[in-house]
């Protein structure tokens, strides 16, 4: 965890993604780690045995040029357990039978795309909402709860400047299920 804090401090204003490690499935429970990965980055080991899920949040205007890959080995050389590009999402690190996500790396995508991609990550309305217009973003600050921020509020290297990118309020799994059911049921006027 100490390594994660040092690494995130070193890259406080560079291109990248913010990654939050949680003790519970579906990015619930206690936060047990935080990474700020500059793209493309070196391989970073996750808190195996402590972290059960991983939340990835975009926080830079250039995030569409990179994807975050989660590997089943400590050195980012094994099979990819999950991948996500240009969107927010949660990955259960123990989601597939005996495969465990152990390390993470930001890698360049072969060609800039307007479309977003994810494999293995939960990327629904708990983590992503369309912006109200072209000048704003919806940033998840909890499951199904978003803050609207201005796209123009960013540093020279493209990193967005707003505390919403550095926070995510965790909930219990039952609460997340309740939020999901509320979103699925239309509200009658």
N, C-alpha and C. Protein backbone atom coordinates (compact mmCIF):
# COMPACT_ATOMS: atom_id res chain seq x y z
N UNK A 1 0.83 -1.18 0.00
CA UNK A 1 0.00 0.00 0.00
C UNK A 1 0.88 1.25 0.00
N UNK A 2 1.98 1.24 0.77
CA UNK A 2 2.89 2.36 0.82
C UNK A 2 3.43 2.65 -0.58
N UNK A 3 3.78 1.58 -1.32
CA UNK A 3 4.26 1.73 -2.69
C UNK A 3 3.21 2.42 -3.55
N UNK A 4 1.96 2.07 -3.38
CA UNK A 4 0.87 2.67 -4.15
C UNK A 4 0.75 4.16 -3.88
N UNK A 5 0.88 4.54 -2.61
CA UNK A 5 0.76 5.96 -2.25
C UNK A 5 1.91 6.78 -2.83
N UNK A 6 3.13 6.24 -2.79
CA UNK A 6 4.28 6.94 -3.36
C UNK A 6 4.10 7.09 -4.87
N UNK A 7 3.70 6.01 -5.52
CA UNK A 7 3.52 6.04 -6.96
C UNK A 7 2.46 7.05 -7.36
N UNK A 8 1.35 7.09 -6.64
CA UNK A 8 0.29 8.03 -6.99
C UNK A 8 0.74 9.48 -6.78
N UNK A 9 1.59 9.73 -5.80
CA UNK A 9 2.09 11.08 -5.56
C UNK A 9 3.04 11.52 -6.66
N UNK A 10 3.85 10.60 -7.19
CA UNK A 10 4.80 10.93 -8.24
C UNK A 10 4.12 11.36 -9.54
N UNK A 11 2.95 10.80 -9.80
CA UNK A 11 2.27 11.07 -11.06
C UNK A 11 0.99 11.88 -10.84
N UNK A 12 1.04 12.83 -9.94
CA UNK A 12 -0.16 13.58 -9.58
C UNK A 12 -0.69 14.44 -10.71
N UNK A 13 0.15 14.82 -11.67
CA UNK A 13 -0.34 15.68 -12.75
C UNK A 13 0.06 15.14 -14.12
N UNK A 14 -0.02 13.85 -14.32
CA UNK A 14 0.32 13.29 -15.62
C UNK A 14 -0.88 12.58 -16.23
N UNK A 15 -0.72 12.20 -17.48
CA UNK A 15 -1.77 11.45 -18.16
C UNK A 15 -2.07 10.19 -17.37
N UNK A 16 -3.29 9.74 -17.40
CA UNK A 16 -3.52 8.46 -16.77
C UNK A 16 -4.92 8.22 -16.27
N UNK A 17 -4.98 7.15 -15.54
CA UNK A 17 -6.21 6.68 -14.92
C UNK A 17 -5.99 6.64 -13.41
N UNK A 18 -7.08 6.75 -12.66
CA UNK A 18 -7.04 6.52 -11.22
C UNK A 18 -7.64 5.16 -10.96
N UNK A 19 -6.95 4.38 -10.14
CA UNK A 19 -7.40 3.04 -9.81
C UNK A 19 -7.55 2.93 -8.30
N UNK A 20 -8.70 2.49 -7.87
CA UNK A 20 -9.01 2.33 -6.45
C UNK A 20 -9.20 0.84 -6.19
N UNK A 21 -8.47 0.29 -5.22
CA UNK A 21 -8.62 -1.11 -4.85
C UNK A 21 -9.54 -1.20 -3.64
N UNK A 22 -10.49 -2.16 -3.67
CA UNK A 22 -11.46 -2.32 -2.59
C UNK A 22 -11.44 -3.74 -2.04
N UNK A 23 -11.80 -3.85 -0.77
CA UNK A 23 -11.79 -5.15 -0.09
C UNK A 23 -13.00 -6.01 -0.44
N UNK A 24 -14.08 -5.42 -0.95
CA UNK A 24 -15.29 -6.16 -1.29
C UNK A 24 -15.51 -6.26 -2.79
N UNK A 25 -16.38 -7.18 -3.18
CA UNK A 25 -16.74 -7.31 -4.59
C UNK A 25 -17.52 -6.08 -5.05
N UNK A 26 -17.50 -5.84 -6.35
CA UNK A 26 -18.22 -4.72 -6.97
C UNK A 26 -17.81 -3.37 -6.41
N UNK A 27 -16.53 -3.25 -6.04
CA UNK A 27 -15.97 -1.99 -5.53
C UNK A 27 -16.70 -1.51 -4.29
N UNK A 28 -16.92 -2.44 -3.37
CA UNK A 28 -17.54 -2.14 -2.07
C UNK A 28 -16.52 -2.44 -0.98
N UNK A 29 -16.89 -2.17 0.25
CA UNK A 29 -15.99 -2.41 1.37
C UNK A 29 -15.01 -1.27 1.54
N UNK A 30 -13.89 -1.56 2.15
CA UNK A 30 -12.87 -0.54 2.43
C UNK A 30 -11.95 -0.35 1.24
N UNK A 31 -11.51 0.90 1.05
CA UNK A 31 -10.48 1.16 0.04
C UNK A 31 -9.16 0.69 0.61
N UNK A 32 -8.47 -0.19 -0.13
CA UNK A 32 -7.21 -0.77 0.37
C UNK A 32 -6.02 -0.38 -0.49
N UNK A 33 -6.24 0.42 -1.51
CA UNK A 33 -5.14 0.87 -2.35
C UNK A 33 -5.59 1.92 -3.34
N UNK A 34 -4.65 2.73 -3.79
CA UNK A 34 -4.91 3.77 -4.77
C UNK A 34 -3.70 3.87 -5.68
N UNK A 35 -3.95 3.84 -6.98
CA UNK A 35 -2.89 4.00 -7.97
C UNK A 35 -3.28 5.11 -8.92
N UNK A 36 -2.30 5.88 -9.34
CA UNK A 36 -2.49 6.87 -10.40
C UNK A 36 -1.51 6.46 -11.48
N UNK A 37 -2.00 5.85 -12.53
CA UNK A 37 -1.13 5.30 -13.56
C UNK A 37 -0.99 6.25 -14.72
N UNK A 38 0.25 6.59 -15.04
CA UNK A 38 0.53 7.42 -16.20
C UNK A 38 0.59 6.52 -17.42
N UNK A 39 0.16 7.01 -18.55
CA UNK A 39 0.14 6.14 -19.71
C UNK A 39 1.22 6.47 -20.71
N UNK A 40 1.83 5.47 -21.27
CA UNK A 40 1.83 4.07 -20.85
C UNK A 40 2.70 3.89 -19.61
N UNK A 41 2.33 2.96 -18.77
CA UNK A 41 2.99 2.83 -17.48
C UNK A 41 3.75 1.53 -17.33
N UNK A 42 4.56 1.50 -16.31
CA UNK A 42 5.22 0.27 -15.90
C UNK A 42 4.16 -0.64 -15.27
N UNK A 43 4.50 -1.89 -15.12
CA UNK A 43 3.60 -2.84 -14.48
C UNK A 43 3.50 -2.52 -12.99
N UNK A 44 2.29 -2.56 -12.45
CA UNK A 44 2.06 -2.30 -11.03
C UNK A 44 1.34 -3.48 -10.42
N UNK A 45 1.88 -3.97 -9.33
CA UNK A 45 1.28 -5.10 -8.63
C UNK A 45 0.11 -4.62 -7.78
N UNK A 46 -0.98 -5.38 -7.82
CA UNK A 46 -2.15 -5.07 -6.99
C UNK A 46 -1.98 -5.69 -5.61
N UNK A 47 -2.80 -5.27 -4.67
CA UNK A 47 -2.75 -5.79 -3.30
C UNK A 47 -3.45 -7.15 -3.24
N UNK A 48 -2.79 -8.15 -3.80
CA UNK A 48 -3.36 -9.50 -3.86
C UNK A 48 -3.60 -10.03 -2.45
N UNK A 49 -4.75 -10.64 -2.27
CA UNK A 49 -5.11 -11.17 -0.96
C UNK A 49 -5.83 -10.16 -0.10
N UNK A 50 -5.70 -8.88 -0.44
CA UNK A 50 -6.36 -7.80 0.30
C UNK A 50 -7.46 -7.19 -0.58
N UNK A 51 -7.10 -6.84 -1.80
CA UNK A 51 -8.06 -6.25 -2.74
C UNK A 51 -8.88 -7.34 -3.41
N UNK A 52 -10.18 -7.12 -3.48
CA UNK A 52 -11.10 -8.06 -4.13
C UNK A 52 -11.64 -7.48 -5.43
N UNK A 53 -11.64 -6.15 -5.54
CA UNK A 53 -12.14 -5.51 -6.75
C UNK A 53 -11.34 -4.24 -7.04
N UNK A 54 -11.45 -3.78 -8.28
CA UNK A 54 -10.66 -2.64 -8.75
C UNK A 54 -11.57 -1.69 -9.52
N UNK A 55 -11.61 -0.42 -9.08
CA UNK A 55 -12.36 0.62 -9.77
C UNK A 55 -11.40 1.44 -10.61
N UNK A 56 -11.70 1.60 -11.88
CA UNK A 56 -10.90 2.42 -12.79
C UNK A 56 -11.72 3.65 -13.15
N UNK A 57 -11.11 4.85 -12.96
CA UNK A 57 -11.77 6.11 -13.31
C UNK A 57 -10.90 6.87 -14.30
N UNK A 58 -11.52 7.34 -15.38
CA UNK A 58 -10.80 8.21 -16.30
C UNK A 58 -10.61 9.55 -15.62
N UNK A 59 -9.49 10.21 -15.91
CA UNK A 59 -9.28 11.54 -15.33
C UNK A 59 -8.42 12.43 -16.22
N UNK A 60 -8.41 12.14 -17.52
CA UNK A 60 -7.58 12.90 -18.42
C UNK A 60 -8.24 12.95 -19.80
N UNK A 61 -8.11 14.06 -20.47
CA UNK A 61 -8.70 14.25 -21.78
C UNK A 61 -8.12 13.27 -22.81
N UNK A 62 -6.92 12.73 -22.55
CA UNK A 62 -6.25 11.82 -23.48
C UNK A 62 -6.47 10.34 -23.16
N UNK A 63 -7.35 10.01 -22.24
CA UNK A 63 -7.53 8.62 -21.83
C UNK A 63 -8.05 7.72 -22.96
N UNK A 64 -8.59 8.31 -24.02
CA UNK A 64 -9.03 7.49 -25.15
C UNK A 64 -7.86 6.90 -25.93
N UNK A 65 -6.64 7.33 -25.63
CA UNK A 65 -5.45 6.81 -26.31
C UNK A 65 -4.83 5.62 -25.59
N UNK A 66 -5.38 5.25 -24.43
CA UNK A 66 -4.80 4.19 -23.61
C UNK A 66 -5.89 3.25 -23.10
N UNK A 67 -5.49 2.04 -22.78
CA UNK A 67 -6.39 1.12 -22.09
C UNK A 67 -5.69 0.63 -20.83
N UNK A 68 -6.48 0.22 -19.87
CA UNK A 68 -5.95 -0.37 -18.64
C UNK A 68 -6.16 -1.87 -18.74
N UNK A 69 -5.07 -2.62 -18.63
CA UNK A 69 -5.14 -4.08 -18.67
C UNK A 69 -4.83 -4.64 -17.29
N UNK A 70 -5.63 -5.61 -16.86
CA UNK A 70 -5.39 -6.32 -15.60
C UNK A 70 -4.96 -7.73 -15.97
N UNK A 71 -3.82 -8.17 -15.40
CA UNK A 71 -3.21 -9.45 -15.75
C UNK A 71 -3.31 -10.45 -14.60
N UNK A 72 -3.18 -11.74 -14.94
CA UNK A 72 -3.24 -12.80 -13.93
C UNK A 72 -1.87 -13.15 -13.35
N UNK A 73 -0.84 -12.36 -13.67
CA UNK A 73 0.50 -12.56 -13.12
C UNK A 73 0.96 -11.28 -12.44
N UNK A 74 2.02 -11.36 -11.65
CA UNK A 74 2.56 -10.19 -10.94
C UNK A 74 3.33 -9.24 -11.85
N UNK A 75 3.71 -9.70 -13.05
CA UNK A 75 4.60 -8.90 -13.90
C UNK A 75 3.98 -8.47 -15.24
N UNK A 76 2.68 -8.53 -15.36
CA UNK A 76 1.96 -8.08 -16.56
C UNK A 76 2.35 -8.84 -17.83
N UNK A 77 2.75 -10.10 -17.68
CA UNK A 77 3.13 -10.90 -18.85
C UNK A 77 2.13 -12.02 -19.12
N UNK A 78 1.22 -12.28 -18.23
CA UNK A 78 0.28 -13.38 -18.38
C UNK A 78 -0.95 -13.00 -19.17
N UNK A 79 -2.00 -13.74 -18.94
CA UNK A 79 -3.28 -13.49 -19.62
C UNK A 79 -3.96 -12.25 -19.05
N UNK A 80 -4.70 -11.58 -19.91
CA UNK A 80 -5.45 -10.39 -19.49
C UNK A 80 -6.78 -10.85 -18.90
N UNK A 81 -7.02 -10.46 -17.64
CA UNK A 81 -8.25 -10.79 -16.92
C UNK A 81 -9.34 -9.79 -17.25
N UNK A 82 -8.96 -8.53 -17.46
CA UNK A 82 -9.90 -7.48 -17.78
C UNK A 82 -9.20 -6.34 -18.48
N UNK A 83 -9.93 -5.62 -19.31
CA UNK A 83 -9.38 -4.45 -19.99
C UNK A 83 -10.48 -3.40 -20.11
N UNK A 84 -10.08 -2.14 -20.03
CA UNK A 84 -11.05 -1.05 -20.12
C UNK A 84 -10.37 0.15 -20.78
N UNK A 85 -11.14 0.86 -21.61
CA UNK A 85 -10.60 2.02 -22.30
C UNK A 85 -11.63 3.14 -22.32
N UNK A 86 -11.21 4.32 -21.86
CA UNK A 86 -11.97 5.56 -21.98
C UNK A 86 -13.34 5.50 -21.31
N UNK A 87 -13.43 4.76 -20.20
CA UNK A 87 -14.66 4.74 -19.41
C UNK A 87 -14.32 4.31 -17.99
N UNK A 88 -15.28 4.51 -17.10
CA UNK A 88 -15.14 4.10 -15.71
C UNK A 88 -15.70 2.69 -15.57
N UNK A 89 -15.15 1.94 -14.62
CA UNK A 89 -15.70 0.60 -14.41
C UNK A 89 -15.07 -0.11 -13.25
N UNK A 90 -15.74 -1.18 -12.82
CA UNK A 90 -15.30 -1.99 -11.69
C UNK A 90 -15.06 -3.43 -12.16
N UNK A 91 -13.95 -4.00 -11.72
CA UNK A 91 -13.61 -5.38 -12.04
C UNK A 91 -13.45 -6.17 -10.75
N UNK A 92 -14.19 -7.28 -10.64
CA UNK A 92 -13.97 -8.20 -9.53
C UNK A 92 -12.72 -8.99 -9.85
N UNK A 93 -11.71 -8.90 -8.99
CA UNK A 93 -10.42 -9.52 -9.27
C UNK A 93 -10.48 -11.04 -9.20
N UNK A 94 -11.51 -11.59 -8.56
CA UNK A 94 -11.65 -13.04 -8.45
C UNK A 94 -12.88 -13.51 -9.22
N UNK A 95 -13.20 -12.84 -10.30
CA UNK A 95 -14.46 -13.09 -11.00
C UNK A 95 -14.49 -14.40 -11.79
N UNK A 96 -13.38 -14.82 -12.30
CA UNK A 96 -13.36 -15.99 -13.17
C UNK A 96 -12.73 -17.17 -12.44
N UNK A 97 -13.44 -18.27 -12.38
CA UNK A 97 -13.08 -19.52 -11.68
C UNK A 97 -11.79 -19.41 -10.86
N UNK A 98 -10.67 -19.79 -11.38
CA UNK A 98 -9.43 -19.76 -10.60
C UNK A 98 -8.47 -18.67 -11.06
N UNK A 99 -8.95 -17.72 -11.84
CA UNK A 99 -8.09 -16.65 -12.35
C UNK A 99 -8.23 -15.44 -11.43
N UNK A 100 -7.09 -14.88 -11.06
CA UNK A 100 -7.07 -13.73 -10.15
C UNK A 100 -6.31 -12.59 -10.82
N UNK A 101 -6.87 -11.37 -10.75
CA UNK A 101 -6.15 -10.20 -11.24
C UNK A 101 -5.06 -9.83 -10.25
N UNK A 102 -3.80 -9.81 -10.72
CA UNK A 102 -2.66 -9.57 -9.82
C UNK A 102 -1.86 -8.32 -10.15
N UNK A 103 -1.92 -7.85 -11.39
CA UNK A 103 -1.15 -6.67 -11.76
C UNK A 103 -1.91 -5.87 -12.81
N UNK A 104 -1.48 -4.63 -12.99
CA UNK A 104 -2.19 -3.71 -13.88
C UNK A 104 -1.18 -2.84 -14.62
N UNK A 105 -1.56 -2.47 -15.86
CA UNK A 105 -0.68 -1.65 -16.68
C UNK A 105 -1.52 -0.83 -17.66
N UNK A 106 -1.11 0.41 -17.89
CA UNK A 106 -1.73 1.25 -18.91
C UNK A 106 -0.93 1.07 -20.19
N UNK A 107 -1.61 0.74 -21.27
CA UNK A 107 -0.94 0.51 -22.55
C UNK A 107 -1.59 1.37 -23.63
N UNK A 108 -0.80 1.83 -24.61
CA UNK A 108 -1.39 2.61 -25.69
C UNK A 108 -2.27 1.73 -26.57
N UNK A 109 -3.34 2.30 -27.08
CA UNK A 109 -4.18 1.58 -28.04
C UNK A 109 -3.60 1.83 -29.43
N UNK A 110 -3.74 0.86 -30.33
CA UNK A 110 -3.12 0.99 -31.65
C UNK A 110 -3.57 2.24 -32.42
N UNK A 111 -4.81 2.66 -32.20
CA UNK A 111 -5.35 3.79 -32.93
C UNK A 111 -6.38 4.48 -32.05
N UNK A 112 -6.36 5.81 -32.02
CA UNK A 112 -7.33 6.56 -31.22
C UNK A 112 -8.74 6.24 -31.72
N UNK A 113 -9.63 5.96 -30.76
CA UNK A 113 -11.01 5.61 -31.12
C UNK A 113 -11.98 6.50 -30.36
N UNK A 114 -13.11 6.75 -30.99
CA UNK A 114 -14.17 7.47 -30.29
C UNK A 114 -14.96 6.52 -29.40
N UNK A 115 -15.00 5.26 -29.78
CA UNK A 115 -15.76 4.27 -29.02
C UNK A 115 -15.02 3.88 -27.75
N UNK A 116 -15.77 3.44 -26.78
CA UNK A 116 -15.18 2.94 -25.54
C UNK A 116 -15.23 1.42 -25.56
N UNK A 117 -14.30 0.82 -24.82
CA UNK A 117 -14.23 -0.64 -24.77
C UNK A 117 -14.05 -1.10 -23.34
N UNK A 118 -14.61 -2.26 -23.05
CA UNK A 118 -14.34 -2.90 -21.77
C UNK A 118 -14.58 -4.39 -21.91
N UNK A 119 -13.79 -5.15 -21.19
CA UNK A 119 -13.97 -6.60 -21.14
C UNK A 119 -13.71 -7.03 -19.71
N UNK A 120 -14.71 -7.63 -19.10
CA UNK A 120 -14.58 -8.09 -17.72
C UNK A 120 -15.00 -7.05 -16.70
N UNK A 121 -15.06 -5.78 -17.08
CA UNK A 121 -15.42 -4.70 -16.17
C UNK A 121 -16.93 -4.47 -16.20
N UNK A 122 -17.48 -4.11 -15.05
CA UNK A 122 -18.86 -3.64 -14.97
C UNK A 122 -18.81 -2.15 -15.29
N UNK A 123 -19.48 -1.74 -16.36
CA UNK A 123 -19.38 -0.36 -16.83
C UNK A 123 -20.74 0.29 -17.05
N UNK A 124 -21.74 -0.17 -16.33
CA UNK A 124 -23.10 0.33 -16.55
C UNK A 124 -23.31 1.69 -15.88
N UNK A 125 -24.57 2.03 -15.67
CA UNK A 125 -24.96 3.33 -15.12
C UNK A 125 -24.54 3.53 -13.66
N UNK A 126 -23.99 2.51 -13.01
CA UNK A 126 -23.43 2.72 -11.68
C UNK A 126 -22.11 3.48 -11.76
N UNK A 127 -21.46 3.45 -12.92
CA UNK A 127 -20.14 4.05 -13.09
C UNK A 127 -20.05 5.05 -14.24
N UNK A 128 -21.00 5.06 -15.15
CA UNK A 128 -20.95 5.94 -16.32
C UNK A 128 -22.32 6.52 -16.61
N UNK A 129 -22.34 7.81 -16.86
CA UNK A 129 -23.56 8.50 -17.31
C UNK A 129 -23.18 9.44 -18.44
N UNK A 130 -24.03 9.61 -19.43
CA UNK A 130 -23.72 10.56 -20.49
C UNK A 130 -23.72 11.98 -19.93
N UNK A 131 -22.83 12.82 -20.44
CA UNK A 131 -22.78 14.21 -19.97
C UNK A 131 -23.99 14.99 -20.46
N UNK A 132 -24.34 16.07 -19.78
CA UNK A 132 -25.49 16.88 -20.20
C UNK A 132 -25.22 17.65 -21.49
N UNK A 133 -23.92 17.90 -21.78
CA UNK A 133 -23.54 18.63 -22.99
C UNK A 133 -22.07 18.36 -23.28
N UNK A 134 -21.54 19.01 -24.33
CA UNK A 134 -20.15 18.77 -24.74
C UNK A 134 -19.11 19.43 -23.82
N UNK A 135 -19.52 20.32 -22.96
CA UNK A 135 -18.58 21.02 -22.08
C UNK A 135 -18.41 20.37 -20.71
N UNK A 136 -19.17 19.32 -20.43
CA UNK A 136 -19.15 18.72 -19.09
C UNK A 136 -18.94 17.21 -19.13
N UNK A 137 -18.56 16.68 -17.97
CA UNK A 137 -18.44 15.23 -17.75
C UNK A 137 -19.25 14.86 -16.53
N UNK A 138 -19.71 13.63 -16.48
CA UNK A 138 -20.33 13.07 -15.28
C UNK A 138 -19.30 12.14 -14.65
N UNK A 139 -18.85 12.47 -13.45
CA UNK A 139 -17.81 11.70 -12.76
C UNK A 139 -18.45 10.93 -11.61
N UNK A 140 -18.25 9.60 -11.57
CA UNK A 140 -18.84 8.83 -10.47
C UNK A 140 -18.12 9.12 -9.15
N UNK A 141 -18.89 9.44 -8.12
CA UNK A 141 -18.30 9.64 -6.79
C UNK A 141 -18.81 8.60 -5.81
N UNK A 142 -19.76 7.78 -6.25
CA UNK A 142 -20.28 6.63 -5.51
C UNK A 142 -21.06 5.80 -6.53
N UNK A 143 -21.50 4.62 -6.14
CA UNK A 143 -22.29 3.79 -7.06
C UNK A 143 -23.57 4.53 -7.44
N UNK A 144 -23.73 4.86 -8.72
CA UNK A 144 -24.93 5.52 -9.19
C UNK A 144 -25.05 6.98 -8.82
N UNK A 145 -24.00 7.58 -8.25
CA UNK A 145 -24.01 8.99 -7.85
C UNK A 145 -22.88 9.70 -8.59
N UNK A 146 -23.22 10.81 -9.26
CA UNK A 146 -22.27 11.48 -10.13
C UNK A 146 -22.18 12.96 -9.82
N UNK A 147 -21.02 13.53 -10.09
CA UNK A 147 -20.82 14.97 -10.01
C UNK A 147 -20.54 15.47 -11.42
N UNK A 148 -21.17 16.57 -11.79
CA UNK A 148 -20.93 17.18 -13.09
C UNK A 148 -19.74 18.12 -12.97
N UNK A 149 -18.74 17.94 -13.85
CA UNK A 149 -17.55 18.79 -13.84
C UNK A 149 -17.31 19.34 -15.24
N UNK A 150 -16.62 20.47 -15.30
CA UNK A 150 -16.31 21.11 -16.58
C UNK A 150 -15.09 20.46 -17.21
N UNK A 151 -15.19 20.13 -18.50
CA UNK A 151 -14.06 19.54 -19.23
C UNK A 151 -12.90 20.51 -19.35
N UNK A 152 -13.19 21.80 -19.40
CA UNK A 152 -12.14 22.80 -19.58
C UNK A 152 -11.28 22.99 -18.34
N UNK A 153 -11.71 22.51 -17.21
CA UNK A 153 -10.95 22.65 -15.96
C UNK A 153 -9.91 21.53 -15.89
N UNK A 154 -8.75 21.76 -16.56
CA UNK A 154 -7.70 20.75 -16.61
C UNK A 154 -6.33 21.41 -16.73
N UNK A 155 -5.29 20.60 -16.45
CA UNK A 155 -3.91 21.08 -16.53
C UNK A 155 -3.43 21.06 -17.98
N UNK A 156 -2.21 21.57 -18.20
CA UNK A 156 -1.65 21.61 -19.55
C UNK A 156 -1.50 20.23 -20.18
N UNK A 157 -1.24 19.20 -19.35
CA UNK A 157 -1.07 17.85 -19.90
C UNK A 157 -2.40 17.11 -20.06
N UNK A 158 -3.52 17.77 -19.74
CA UNK A 158 -4.83 17.19 -19.98
C UNK A 158 -5.51 16.58 -18.78
N UNK A 159 -4.85 16.55 -17.62
CA UNK A 159 -5.46 15.96 -16.42
C UNK A 159 -6.55 16.89 -15.90
N UNK A 160 -7.73 16.33 -15.67
CA UNK A 160 -8.83 17.12 -15.14
C UNK A 160 -8.55 17.52 -13.70
N UNK A 161 -8.95 18.75 -13.35
CA UNK A 161 -8.71 19.28 -12.01
C UNK A 161 -10.05 19.41 -11.30
N UNK A 162 -10.36 18.40 -10.50
CA UNK A 162 -11.57 18.42 -9.69
C UNK A 162 -11.46 17.29 -8.69
N UNK A 163 -11.82 17.55 -7.45
CA UNK A 163 -11.69 16.52 -6.41
C UNK A 163 -12.56 15.30 -6.67
N UNK A 164 -13.55 15.42 -7.54
CA UNK A 164 -14.43 14.29 -7.85
C UNK A 164 -13.66 13.13 -8.48
N UNK A 165 -12.57 13.43 -9.18
CA UNK A 165 -11.80 12.36 -9.82
C UNK A 165 -11.01 11.54 -8.80
N UNK A 166 -10.72 12.11 -7.66
CA UNK A 166 -9.93 11.42 -6.65
C UNK A 166 -10.74 10.78 -5.54
N UNK A 167 -12.05 10.71 -5.70
CA UNK A 167 -12.88 10.13 -4.64
C UNK A 167 -13.88 9.13 -5.19
N UNK A 168 -14.22 8.17 -4.35
CA UNK A 168 -15.31 7.25 -4.64
C UNK A 168 -15.78 6.70 -3.31
N UNK A 169 -17.01 7.02 -2.95
CA UNK A 169 -17.58 6.60 -1.68
C UNK A 169 -18.13 5.20 -1.82
N UNK A 170 -17.56 4.29 -1.08
CA UNK A 170 -17.95 2.90 -1.18
C UNK A 170 -19.24 2.63 -0.42
N UNK A 171 -19.90 1.55 -0.78
CA UNK A 171 -21.15 1.15 -0.13
C UNK A 171 -21.09 -0.36 0.12
N UNK A 172 -22.07 -0.84 0.84
CA UNK A 172 -22.20 -2.28 1.05
C UNK A 172 -22.84 -2.91 -0.19
N UNK A 173 -22.56 -4.19 -0.47
CA UNK A 173 -23.13 -4.84 -1.66
C UNK A 173 -24.66 -4.76 -1.74
N UNK A 174 -25.34 -4.86 -0.60
CA UNK A 174 -26.80 -4.77 -0.60
C UNK A 174 -27.26 -3.40 -1.07
N UNK A 175 -26.54 -2.36 -0.66
CA UNK A 175 -26.87 -1.00 -1.07
C UNK A 175 -26.69 -0.84 -2.58
N UNK A 176 -25.62 -1.43 -3.12
CA UNK A 176 -25.38 -1.36 -4.56
C UNK A 176 -26.51 -2.07 -5.31
N UNK A 177 -26.95 -3.21 -4.81
CA UNK A 177 -28.07 -3.93 -5.43
C UNK A 177 -29.35 -3.10 -5.39
N UNK A 178 -29.58 -2.40 -4.27
CA UNK A 178 -30.76 -1.53 -4.16
C UNK A 178 -30.69 -0.39 -5.17
N UNK A 179 -29.51 0.20 -5.31
CA UNK A 179 -29.34 1.28 -6.29
C UNK A 179 -29.64 0.76 -7.69
N UNK A 180 -29.12 -0.43 -7.98
CA UNK A 180 -29.33 -1.01 -9.29
C UNK A 180 -30.81 -1.26 -9.56
N UNK A 181 -31.54 -1.74 -8.57
CA UNK A 181 -32.97 -1.99 -8.77
C UNK A 181 -33.75 -0.69 -8.93
N UNK A 182 -33.33 0.37 -8.24
CA UNK A 182 -33.99 1.67 -8.40
C UNK A 182 -33.80 2.22 -9.81
N UNK A 183 -32.60 2.04 -10.35
CA UNK A 183 -32.32 2.52 -11.70
C UNK A 183 -33.11 1.73 -12.73
N UNK A 184 -33.40 0.48 -12.42
CA UNK A 184 -34.10 -0.39 -13.38
C UNK A 184 -35.60 -0.16 -13.39
N UNK A 185 -36.14 0.42 -12.31
CA UNK A 185 -37.58 0.66 -12.21
C UNK A 185 -37.86 2.11 -12.58
N UNK A 186 -38.68 2.35 -13.61
CA UNK A 186 -38.98 3.73 -13.98
C UNK A 186 -39.79 4.43 -12.88
N UNK A 187 -39.45 5.68 -12.63
CA UNK A 187 -40.18 6.47 -11.63
C UNK A 187 -41.41 7.06 -12.30
N UNK A 188 -42.55 6.84 -11.69
CA UNK A 188 -43.79 7.36 -12.25
C UNK A 188 -44.04 8.75 -11.70
N UNK A 189 -44.56 9.59 -12.56
CA UNK A 189 -44.83 10.97 -12.14
C UNK A 189 -46.22 11.11 -11.61
